[in-house]
């Protein structure tokens, strides 16, 4: 249930506050739908070669309307979840297309992208070079990461407020 509420909050924030999404105008190419993949022409609703504040607000309103399945001017949890699931399905399909090297409709471990920096990160965290990461080494690395990146966002920016065994 917590996961569902989190997803809903993210979608509401993106749908209501974010003005970066847009709907495609027919005949202008591009990916269509909402999102950063939109072309300039898709966002420039009046075709005058400039994007106005009104056009950006129109994108926000269009995204809201697209999520408001029953058209009542309100977003319910069910509508937000449906929109999130549709975007997740589209994202998953694109991931599958990208990773399924042999086009058999399945991704094997060999087809998964290799982590670019996993070995280097392990070596950096393994401060004493013994080939293993102790709890102290792990916590030290986590605290350094939090200091560089403004706290642990997954836990409300509260740093080490939660203990993990």
C-alpha atoms as a PDB file:
ATOM      1  CA  UNK A   1       0.000   0.000   0.000  1.00  0.00           C
ATOM      2  CA  UNK A   2       2.877   2.360   0.805  1.00  0.00           C
ATOM      3  CA  UNK A   3       4.291   1.786  -2.686  1.00  0.00           C
ATOM      4  CA  UNK A   4       0.947   2.628  -4.309  1.00  0.00           C
ATOM      5  CA  UNK A   5       0.666   5.886  -2.349  1.00  0.00           C
ATOM      6  CA  UNK A   6       4.210   6.841  -3.302  1.00  0.00           C
ATOM      7  CA  UNK A   7       3.539   6.211  -6.997  1.00  0.00           C
ATOM      8  CA  UNK A   8       0.315   8.197  -6.759  1.00  0.00           C
ATOM      9  CA  UNK A   9       2.122  11.134  -5.152  1.00  0.00           C
ATOM     10  CA  UNK A  10       4.772  11.135  -7.853  1.00  0.00           C
ATOM     11  CA  UNK A  11       2.164  11.026 -10.619  1.00  0.00           C
ATOM     12  CA  UNK A  12       0.089  13.812  -9.066  1.00  0.00           C
ATOM     13  CA  UNK A  13       3.183  15.968  -8.712  1.00  0.00           C
ATOM     14  CA  UNK A  14       4.102  15.340 -12.336  1.00  0.00           C
ATOM     15  CA  UNK A  15       0.582  15.716 -13.664  1.00  0.00           C
ATOM     16  CA  UNK A  16      -0.514  18.763 -11.724  1.00  0.00           C
ATOM     17  CA  UNK A  17       2.640  20.723 -10.985  1.00  0.00           C
ATOM     18  CA  UNK A  18       4.930  19.783 -13.839  1.00  0.00           C
ATOM     19  CA  UNK A  19       4.435  21.714 -17.022  1.00  0.00           C
ATOM     20  CA  UNK A  20       7.042  19.803 -18.984  1.00  0.00           C
ATOM     21  CA  UNK A  21       4.730  17.130 -20.339  1.00  0.00           C
ATOM     22  CA  UNK A  22       2.662  17.667 -23.453  1.00  0.00           C
ATOM     23  CA  UNK A  23       0.314  15.915 -25.806  1.00  0.00           C
ATOM     24  CA  UNK A  24       1.330  15.369 -29.387  1.00  0.00           C
ATOM     25  CA  UNK A  25      -0.227  17.409 -32.131  1.00  0.00           C
ATOM     26  CA  UNK A  26      -1.113  15.148 -35.042  1.00  0.00           C
ATOM     27  CA  UNK A  27       1.108  15.387 -38.077  1.00  0.00           C
ATOM     28  CA  UNK A  28       4.181  16.748 -36.315  1.00  0.00           C
ATOM     29  CA  UNK A  29       6.153  13.512 -35.894  1.00  0.00           C
ATOM     30  CA  UNK A  30       8.019  12.788 -32.677  1.00  0.00           C
ATOM     31  CA  UNK A  31       7.091  10.233 -30.083  1.00  0.00           C
ATOM     32  CA  UNK A  32       3.682  11.622 -29.231  1.00  0.00           C
ATOM     33  CA  UNK A  33       2.161  11.605 -25.779  1.00  0.00           C
ATOM     34  CA  UNK A  34       3.504  13.563 -22.854  1.00  0.00           C
ATOM     35  CA  UNK A  35       7.111  13.939 -21.971  1.00  0.00           C
ATOM     36  CA  UNK A  36      10.539  15.300 -22.692  1.00  0.00           C
ATOM     37  CA  UNK A  37      10.652  13.467 -26.045  1.00  0.00           C
ATOM     38  CA  UNK A  38       8.297  16.036 -27.514  1.00  0.00           C
ATOM     39  CA  UNK A  39       9.474  18.182 -30.379  1.00  0.00           C
ATOM     40  CA  UNK A  40       9.424  21.951 -30.262  1.00  0.00           C
ATOM     41  CA  UNK A  41       6.678  21.915 -32.883  1.00  0.00           C
ATOM     42  CA  UNK A  42       4.467  19.698 -30.718  1.00  0.00           C
ATOM     43  CA  UNK A  43       4.721  22.126 -27.822  1.00  0.00           C
ATOM     44  CA  UNK A  44       4.285  25.243 -30.014  1.00  0.00           C
ATOM     45  CA  UNK A  45       0.505  24.791 -30.233  1.00  0.00           C
ATOM     46  CA  UNK A  46      -0.146  27.899 -32.360  1.00  0.00           C
ATOM     47  CA  UNK A  47       2.793  27.218 -34.693  1.00  0.00           C
ATOM     48  CA  UNK A  48       4.259  30.709 -34.383  1.00  0.00           C
ATOM     49  CA  UNK A  49       7.807  29.511 -33.705  1.00  0.00           C
ATOM     50  CA  UNK A  50       7.740  30.403 -30.005  1.00  0.00           C
ATOM     51  CA  UNK A  51       6.540  28.633 -26.865  1.00  0.00           C
ATOM     52  CA  UNK A  52       4.502  30.913 -24.646  1.00  0.00           C
ATOM     53  CA  UNK A  53       3.607  30.581 -20.969  1.00  0.00           C
ATOM     54  CA  UNK A  54       0.036  29.945 -22.088  1.00  0.00           C
ATOM     55  CA  UNK A  55       1.176  27.015 -24.233  1.00  0.00           C
ATOM     56  CA  UNK A  56       3.117  25.565 -21.283  1.00  0.00           C
ATOM     57  CA  UNK A  57       0.046  25.971 -19.064  1.00  0.00           C
ATOM     58  CA  UNK A  58      -1.998  24.303 -21.776  1.00  0.00           C
ATOM     59  CA  UNK A  59       0.336  21.307 -21.622  1.00  0.00           C
ATOM     60  CA  UNK A  60      -0.218  21.037 -17.886  1.00  0.00           C
ATOM     61  CA  UNK A  61      -3.969  21.199 -18.384  1.00  0.00           C
ATOM     62  CA  UNK A  62      -3.853  18.666 -21.216  1.00  0.00           C
ATOM     63  CA  UNK A  63      -1.886  16.222 -19.062  1.00  0.00           C
ATOM     64  CA  UNK A  64      -4.401  16.640 -16.261  1.00  0.00           C
ATOM     65  CA  UNK A  65      -7.271  16.072 -18.702  1.00  0.00           C
ATOM     66  CA  UNK A  66      -5.596  12.965 -20.132  1.00  0.00           C
ATOM     67  CA  UNK A  67      -5.294  11.515 -16.619  1.00  0.00           C
ATOM     68  CA  UNK A  68      -8.871  12.514 -15.688  1.00  0.00           C
ATOM     69  CA  UNK A  69     -10.469   9.487 -17.380  1.00  0.00           C
ATOM     70  CA  UNK A  70     -14.061  10.327 -16.422  1.00  0.00           C
ATOM     71  CA  UNK A  71     -13.703  14.050 -17.196  1.00  0.00           C
ATOM     72  CA  UNK A  72     -15.071  15.225 -13.857  1.00  0.00           C
ATOM     73  CA  UNK A  73     -12.248  17.705 -13.236  1.00  0.00           C
ATOM     74  CA  UNK A  74     -10.808  15.658 -10.373  1.00  0.00           C
ATOM     75  CA  UNK A  75      -8.103  13.016 -10.245  1.00  0.00           C
ATOM     76  CA  UNK A  76      -8.935   9.943  -8.203  1.00  0.00           C
ATOM     77  CA  UNK A  77      -6.410   7.439  -6.967  1.00  0.00           C
ATOM     78  CA  UNK A  78      -7.746   4.948  -9.529  1.00  0.00           C
ATOM     79  CA  UNK A  79      -7.173   7.425 -12.395  1.00  0.00           C
ATOM     80  CA  UNK A  80      -3.683   8.258 -11.197  1.00  0.00           C
ATOM     81  CA  UNK A  81      -2.836   4.568 -10.801  1.00  0.00           C
ATOM     82  CA  UNK A  82      -4.190   3.807 -14.285  1.00  0.00           C
ATOM     83  CA  UNK A  83      -2.069   6.571 -15.818  1.00  0.00           C
ATOM     84  CA  UNK A  84       0.986   5.384 -13.895  1.00  0.00           C
ATOM     85  CA  UNK A  85       0.419   1.793 -14.986  1.00  0.00           C
ATOM     86  CA  UNK A  86       0.064   2.849 -18.624  1.00  0.00           C
ATOM     87  CA  UNK A  87       3.352   4.782 -18.437  1.00  0.00           C
ATOM     88  CA  UNK A  88       5.032   1.880 -16.622  1.00  0.00           C
ATOM     89  CA  UNK A  89       3.885  -0.554 -19.333  1.00  0.00           C
ATOM     90  CA  UNK A  90       5.223   1.725 -22.045  1.00  0.00           C
ATOM     91  CA  UNK A  91       8.522   2.122 -20.178  1.00  0.00           C
ATOM     92  CA  UNK A  92       8.796  -1.645 -19.663  1.00  0.00           C
ATOM     93  CA  UNK A  93       8.137  -2.308 -23.350  1.00  0.00           C
ATOM     94  CA  UNK A  94      10.893   0.138 -24.336  1.00  0.00           C
ATOM     95  CA  UNK A  95      13.270  -1.481 -21.843  1.00  0.00           C
ATOM     96  CA  UNK A  96      12.463  -4.930 -23.221  1.00  0.00           C
ATOM     97  CA  UNK A  97      13.063  -3.740 -26.778  1.00  0.00           C
ATOM     98  CA  UNK A  98      16.395  -2.205 -25.758  1.00  0.00           C
ATOM     99  CA  UNK A  99      17.668  -5.177 -23.720  1.00  0.00           C
ATOM    100  CA  UNK A 100      16.299  -8.181 -25.648  1.00  0.00           C
ATOM    101  CA  UNK A 101      19.346  -8.555 -27.902  1.00  0.00           C
ATOM    102  CA  UNK A 102      18.127 -11.715 -29.669  1.00  0.00           C
ATOM    103  CA  UNK A 103      14.487 -10.516 -29.960  1.00  0.00           C
ATOM    104  CA  UNK A 104      13.040 -13.673 -28.396  1.00  0.00           C
ATOM    105  CA  UNK A 105      10.651 -11.793 -26.110  1.00  0.00           C
ATOM    106  CA  UNK A 106      12.700 -12.523 -22.978  1.00  0.00           C
ATOM    107  CA  UNK A 107      15.770 -11.035 -21.328  1.00  0.00           C
ATOM    108  CA  UNK A 108      18.444 -13.337 -19.966  1.00  0.00           C
ATOM    109  CA  UNK A 109      21.077 -12.394 -17.427  1.00  0.00           C
ATOM    110  CA  UNK A 110      23.610 -12.216 -20.266  1.00  0.00           C
ATOM    111  CA  UNK A 111      21.458  -9.628 -22.057  1.00  0.00           C
ATOM    112  CA  UNK A 112      21.214  -7.322 -19.041  1.00  0.00           C
ATOM    113  CA  UNK A 113      23.439  -4.266 -19.345  1.00  0.00           C
ATOM    114  CA  UNK A 114      26.670  -4.638 -17.414  1.00  0.00           C
ATOM    115  CA  UNK A 115      27.110  -2.174 -14.536  1.00  0.00           C
ATOM    116  CA  UNK A 116      29.557   0.440 -15.730  1.00  0.00           C
ATOM    117  CA  UNK A 117      31.194   1.219 -12.408  1.00  0.00           C
ATOM    118  CA  UNK A 118      30.293  -1.674 -10.099  1.00  0.00           C
ATOM    119  CA  UNK A 119      33.857  -2.985  -9.752  1.00  0.00           C
ATOM    120  CA  UNK A 120      35.302   0.469  -9.153  1.00  0.00           C
ATOM    121  CA  UNK A 121      32.618   1.285  -6.602  1.00  0.00           C
ATOM    122  CA  UNK A 122      33.228  -1.983  -4.749  1.00  0.00           C
ATOM    123  CA  UNK A 123      36.978  -1.281  -4.633  1.00  0.00           C
ATOM    124  CA  UNK A 124      36.356   2.257  -3.379  1.00  0.00           C
ATOM    125  CA  UNK A 125      34.047   1.053  -0.564  1.00  0.00           C
ATOM    126  CA  UNK A 126      36.416  -1.804   0.378  1.00  0.00           C
ATOM    127  CA  UNK A 127      38.733   0.687   2.085  1.00  0.00           C
ATOM    128  CA  UNK A 128      41.164  -1.901   3.497  1.00  0.00           C
ATOM    129  CA  UNK A 129      41.340  -3.865   0.224  1.00  0.00           C
ATOM    130  CA  UNK A 130      40.537  -7.243   1.777  1.00  0.00           C
ATOM    131  CA  UNK A 131      38.006  -8.168  -0.918  1.00  0.00           C
ATOM    132  CA  UNK A 132      34.969  -7.740   1.359  1.00  0.00           C
ATOM    133  CA  UNK A 133      32.921  -4.795   2.599  1.00  0.00           C
ATOM    134  CA  UNK A 134      32.434  -4.624   6.357  1.00  0.00           C
ATOM    135  CA  UNK A 135      29.497  -2.869   7.971  1.00  0.00           C
ATOM    136  CA  UNK A 136      31.813  -0.016   9.001  1.00  0.00           C
ATOM    137  CA  UNK A 137      33.095   0.389   5.422  1.00  0.00           C
ATOM    138  CA  UNK A 138      29.531   0.309   4.127  1.00  0.00           C
ATOM    139  CA  UNK A 139      28.310   2.935   6.620  1.00  0.00           C
ATOM    140  CA  UNK A 140      31.314   5.178   5.933  1.00  0.00           C
ATOM    141  CA  UNK A 141      30.666   5.034   2.199  1.00  0.00           C
ATOM    142  CA  UNK A 142      26.947   5.666   2.705  1.00  0.00           C
ATOM    143  CA  UNK A 143      27.619   8.728   4.843  1.00  0.00           C
ATOM    144  CA  UNK A 144      30.105  10.104   2.286  1.00  0.00           C
ATOM    145  CA  UNK A 145      27.526   9.595  -0.443  1.00  0.00           C
ATOM    146  CA  UNK A 146      24.855  11.378   1.592  1.00  0.00           C
ATOM    147  CA  UNK A 147      27.191  14.285   2.308  1.00  0.00           C
ATOM    148  CA  UNK A 148      27.920  14.678  -1.418  1.00  0.00           C
ATOM    149  CA  UNK A 149      24.316  14.305  -2.520  1.00  0.00           C
ATOM    150  CA  UNK A 150      22.368  16.187   0.127  1.00  0.00           C
ATOM    151  CA  UNK A 151      21.175  13.435   2.441  1.00  0.00           C
ATOM    152  CA  UNK A 152      19.305  10.209   1.903  1.00  0.00           C
ATOM    153  CA  UNK A 153      16.255  11.272  -0.125  1.00  0.00           C
ATOM    154  CA  UNK A 154      14.614   7.866   0.261  1.00  0.00           C
ATOM    155  CA  UNK A 155      14.221   8.477   3.983  1.00  0.00           C
ATOM    156  CA  UNK A 156      13.167  12.109   3.993  1.00  0.00           C
ATOM    157  CA  UNK A 157      16.728  13.497   4.006  1.00  0.00           C
ATOM    158  CA  UNK A 158      17.324  12.212   7.514  1.00  0.00           C
ATOM    159  CA  UNK A 159      20.741  10.710   6.884  1.00  0.00           C
ATOM    160  CA  UNK A 160      21.286   7.690   9.078  1.00  0.00           C
ATOM    161  CA  UNK A 161      17.904   7.862  10.793  1.00  0.00           C
ATOM    162  CA  UNK A 162      17.079   4.301   9.845  1.00  0.00           C
ATOM    163  CA  UNK A 163      19.220   1.360  10.896  1.00  0.00           C
ATOM    164  CA  UNK A 164      19.761  -1.443   8.435  1.00  0.00           C
ATOM    165  CA  UNK A 165      21.164  -4.788   9.521  1.00  0.00           C
END
